[in-house]
Amino acid sequence: QVQLVESGGGLVQPGGSLRLSCAASGFTFSTAPMNWYRQAPGNERELVATVTPAAGGTKYADSVKGRFTISRDNSKNTVYLEMNSLTPEDTAVYYCNARRIYYPSFDYWGQGTQVTVSS
């Protein structure tokens, strides 16, 4: 049974930091590109960051570049999102995603964790 379980969300003041974690099970984590998405009320889901299976490459949305860092620990089947210099515009539900487009392909999602940036 595939599971992606996010944790680490919460309420933080503007300028603060949070670290999200996503623990994966039920598939070969080390072969999966991993993504963090977010969705704010009334907005479409937005791709925030991506890390390749061997953690050799990362990509970020322009809105978070220089503030967020995605990383993974394949020995722990876990992907992280370190978020710094948070602003109210970062308020959203953050989702962990595992997606492999080559055979055998898959597309798995976590349940999401709420991040609220407010004073």
C-alpha atoms as a PDB file:
ATOM      1  CA  GLN A   1       0.000   0.000   0.000  1.00  0.00           C
ATOM      2  CA  VAL A   2       1.459   3.317  -1.100  1.00  0.00           C
ATOM      3  CA  GLN A   3       1.624   6.068   1.474  1.00  0.00           C
ATOM      4  CA  LEU A   4       2.997   9.597   1.440  1.00  0.00           C
ATOM      5  CA  VAL A   5       2.650  11.231   4.836  1.00  0.00           C
ATOM      6  CA  GLU A   6       3.479  14.904   5.183  1.00  0.00           C
ATOM      7  CA  SER A   7       4.318  16.598   8.466  1.00  0.00           C
ATOM      8  CA  GLY A   8       5.817  19.833   9.745  1.00  0.00           C
ATOM      9  CA  GLY A   9       3.169  22.325   8.721  1.00  0.00           C
ATOM     10  CA  GLY A  10       1.748  24.918  11.058  1.00  0.00           C
ATOM     11  CA  LEU A  11       1.419  28.598  11.860  1.00  0.00           C
ATOM     12  CA  VAL A  12       4.495  30.792  11.478  1.00  0.00           C
ATOM     13  CA  GLN A  13       5.103  34.519  11.496  1.00  0.00           C
ATOM     14  CA  PRO A  14       6.259  36.350   8.372  1.00  0.00           C
ATOM     15  CA  GLY A  15      10.003  35.976   7.984  1.00  0.00           C
ATOM     16  CA  GLY A  16       9.974  32.668   9.816  1.00  0.00           C
ATOM     17  CA  SER A  17      10.940  29.176   8.744  1.00  0.00           C
ATOM     18  CA  LEU A  18       9.398  25.732   8.568  1.00  0.00           C
ATOM     19  CA  ARG A  19      10.643  22.340   7.505  1.00  0.00           C
ATOM     20  CA  LEU A  20       8.196  19.957   5.896  1.00  0.00           C
ATOM     21  CA  SER A  21       8.808  16.226   5.738  1.00  0.00           C
ATOM     22  CA  CYS A  22       7.195  13.547   3.614  1.00  0.00           C
ATOM     23  CA  ALA A  23       7.662   9.912   4.582  1.00  0.00           C
ATOM     24  CA  ALA A  24       7.090   7.467   1.729  1.00  0.00           C
ATOM     25  CA  SER A  25       6.314   3.772   1.705  1.00  0.00           C
ATOM     26  CA  GLY A  26       4.922   1.125  -0.597  1.00  0.00           C
ATOM     27  CA  PHE A  27       7.025   1.895  -3.665  1.00  0.00           C
ATOM     28  CA  THR A  28      10.675   2.159  -4.644  1.00  0.00           C
ATOM     29  CA  PHE A  29      11.350   5.630  -3.316  1.00  0.00           C
ATOM     30  CA  SER A  30      14.911   5.819  -4.605  1.00  0.00           C
ATOM     31  CA  THR A  31      13.701   5.635  -8.222  1.00  0.00           C
ATOM     32  CA  ALA A  32      11.042   8.330  -7.913  1.00  0.00           C
ATOM     33  CA  PRO A  33      11.380  11.987  -8.751  1.00  0.00           C
ATOM     34  CA  MET A  34       9.755  13.779  -5.835  1.00  0.00           C
ATOM     35  CA  ASN A  35       7.799  17.012  -5.884  1.00  0.00           C
ATOM     36  CA  TRP A  36       6.269  19.472  -3.484  1.00  0.00           C
ATOM     37  CA  TYR A  37       3.122  21.237  -4.634  1.00  0.00           C
ATOM     38  CA  ARG A  38       0.986  23.803  -2.877  1.00  0.00           C
ATOM     39  CA  GLN A  39      -2.552  25.040  -3.232  1.00  0.00           C
ATOM     40  CA  ALA A  40      -3.963  28.211  -1.732  1.00  0.00           C
ATOM     41  CA  PRO A  41      -7.729  28.798  -1.465  1.00  0.00           C
ATOM     42  CA  GLY A  42      -9.157  29.753  -4.841  1.00  0.00           C
ATOM     43  CA  ASN A  43      -5.909  28.947  -6.647  1.00  0.00           C
ATOM     44  CA  GLU A  44      -4.760  26.059  -8.782  1.00  0.00           C
ATOM     45  CA  ARG A  45      -2.239  23.609  -7.417  1.00  0.00           C
ATOM     46  CA  GLU A  46       1.258  24.938  -8.036  1.00  0.00           C
ATOM     47  CA  LEU A  47       4.509  22.997  -8.432  1.00  0.00           C
ATOM     48  CA  VAL A  48       6.924  24.387  -5.860  1.00  0.00           C
ATOM     49  CA  ALA A  49      10.012  22.186  -6.087  1.00  0.00           C
ATOM     50  CA  THR A  50      11.337  18.964  -7.617  1.00  0.00           C
ATOM     51  CA  VAL A  51      14.248  16.699  -6.744  1.00  0.00           C
ATOM     52  CA  THR A  52      15.604  13.908  -8.931  1.00  0.00           C
ATOM     53  CA  PRO A  53      15.850  10.326  -7.627  1.00  0.00           C
ATOM     54  CA  ALA A  54      19.549  10.524  -6.813  1.00  0.00           C
ATOM     55  CA  ALA A  55      19.166  14.071  -5.508  1.00  0.00           C
ATOM     56  CA  GLY A  56      21.514  15.284  -8.191  1.00  0.00           C
ATOM     57  CA  GLY A  57      19.133  17.879  -9.519  1.00  0.00           C
ATOM     58  CA  THR A  58      16.570  20.272  -8.146  1.00  0.00           C
ATOM     59  CA  LYS A  59      14.154  22.781  -9.651  1.00  0.00           C
ATOM     60  CA  TYR A  60      12.111  25.522  -8.058  1.00  0.00           C
ATOM     61  CA  ALA A  61       9.241  27.801  -8.879  1.00  0.00           C
ATOM     62  CA  ASP A  62      10.407  31.367  -9.357  1.00  0.00           C
ATOM     63  CA  SER A  63       8.263  32.432  -6.403  1.00  0.00           C
ATOM     64  CA  VAL A  64      10.306  30.328  -3.945  1.00  0.00           C
ATOM     65  CA  LYS A  65      13.761  30.324  -5.537  1.00  0.00           C
ATOM     66  CA  GLY A  66      16.409  31.313  -3.013  1.00  0.00           C
ATOM     67  CA  ARG A  67      14.069  30.782  -0.055  1.00  0.00           C
ATOM     68  CA  PHE A  68      13.052  27.105  -0.262  1.00  0.00           C
ATOM     69  CA  THR A  69      15.272  24.036  -0.456  1.00  0.00           C
ATOM     70  CA  ILE A  70      14.117  20.559  -1.428  1.00  0.00           C
ATOM     71  CA  SER A  71      16.168  17.560  -0.358  1.00  0.00           C
ATOM     72  CA  ARG A  72      15.767  13.830   0.112  1.00  0.00           C
ATOM     73  CA  ASP A  73      17.213  11.014   2.153  1.00  0.00           C
ATOM     74  CA  ASN A  74      16.815   7.775   0.215  1.00  0.00           C
ATOM     75  CA  SER A  75      17.960   5.758   3.235  1.00  0.00           C
ATOM     76  CA  LYS A  76      14.933   7.080   5.144  1.00  0.00           C
ATOM     77  CA  ASN A  77      12.478   7.217   2.206  1.00  0.00           C
ATOM     78  CA  THR A  78      11.852  10.838   3.064  1.00  0.00           C
ATOM     79  CA  VAL A  79      11.770  14.106   1.155  1.00  0.00           C
ATOM     80  CA  TYR A  80      12.031  17.504   2.814  1.00  0.00           C
ATOM     81  CA  LEU A  81      11.143  21.088   2.040  1.00  0.00           C
ATOM     82  CA  GLU A  82      13.036  23.707   4.010  1.00  0.00           C
ATOM     83  CA  MET A  83      11.170  27.006   3.815  1.00  0.00           C
ATOM     84  CA  ASN A  84      12.775  30.272   4.897  1.00  0.00           C
ATOM     85  CA  SER A  85      11.790  33.948   4.774  1.00  0.00           C
ATOM     86  CA  LEU A  86       8.143  32.945   4.636  1.00  0.00           C
ATOM     87  CA  THR A  87       5.530  35.478   3.570  1.00  0.00           C
ATOM     88  CA  PRO A  88       1.728  35.415   3.780  1.00  0.00           C
ATOM     89  CA  GLU A  89       1.723  34.528   0.070  1.00  0.00           C
ATOM     90  CA  ASP A  90       3.264  31.169   1.005  1.00  0.00           C
ATOM     91  CA  THR A  91       0.114  30.236   2.928  1.00  0.00           C
ATOM     92  CA  ALA A  92      -1.302  27.077   1.366  1.00  0.00           C
ATOM     93  CA  VAL A  93      -1.775  23.364   1.760  1.00  0.00           C
ATOM     94  CA  TYR A  94       1.489  21.701   0.781  1.00  0.00           C
ATOM     95  CA  TYR A  95       1.397  18.309  -0.918  1.00  0.00           C
ATOM     96  CA  CYS A  96       4.080  15.716  -1.445  1.00  0.00           C
ATOM     97  CA  ASN A  97       4.023  13.966  -4.833  1.00  0.00           C
ATOM     98  CA  ALA A  98       5.908  11.030  -6.302  1.00  0.00           C
ATOM     99  CA  ARG A  99       5.710  10.879 -10.077  1.00  0.00           C
ATOM    100  CA  ARG A 100       7.610   8.734 -12.526  1.00  0.00           C
ATOM    101  CA  ILE A 101       6.694   9.137 -16.183  1.00  0.00           C
ATOM    102  CA  TYR A 102       8.737   6.265 -17.584  1.00  0.00           C
ATOM    103  CA  TYR A 103       7.663   2.628 -17.294  1.00  0.00           C
ATOM    104  CA  PRO A 104       6.497   1.537 -14.797  1.00  0.00           C
ATOM    105  CA  SER A 105       4.932   4.921 -14.287  1.00  0.00           C
ATOM    106  CA  PHE A 106       3.161   6.100 -11.175  1.00  0.00           C
ATOM    107  CA  ASP A 107       1.723   9.254  -9.640  1.00  0.00           C
ATOM    108  CA  TYR A 108       1.181   9.256  -5.883  1.00  0.00           C
ATOM    109  CA  TRP A 109      -0.011  12.055  -3.577  1.00  0.00           C
ATOM    110  CA  GLY A 110       0.025  12.751   0.110  1.00  0.00           C
ATOM    111  CA  GLN A 111      -2.890  14.167   2.053  1.00  0.00           C
ATOM    112  CA  GLY A 112      -1.333  17.596   2.447  1.00  0.00           C
ATOM    113  CA  THR A 113      -0.177  19.728   5.356  1.00  0.00           C
ATOM    114  CA  GLN A 114      -1.362  23.258   6.076  1.00  0.00           C
ATOM    115  CA  VAL A 115       1.161  26.084   6.208  1.00  0.00           C
ATOM    116  CA  THR A 116      -0.144  29.431   7.445  1.00  0.00           C
ATOM    117  CA  VAL A 117       2.055  32.517   7.499  1.00  0.00           C
ATOM    118  CA  SER A 118       0.498  35.236   9.588  1.00  0.00           C
ATOM    119  CA  SER A 119       1.315  37.673  12.352  1.00  0.00           C
END
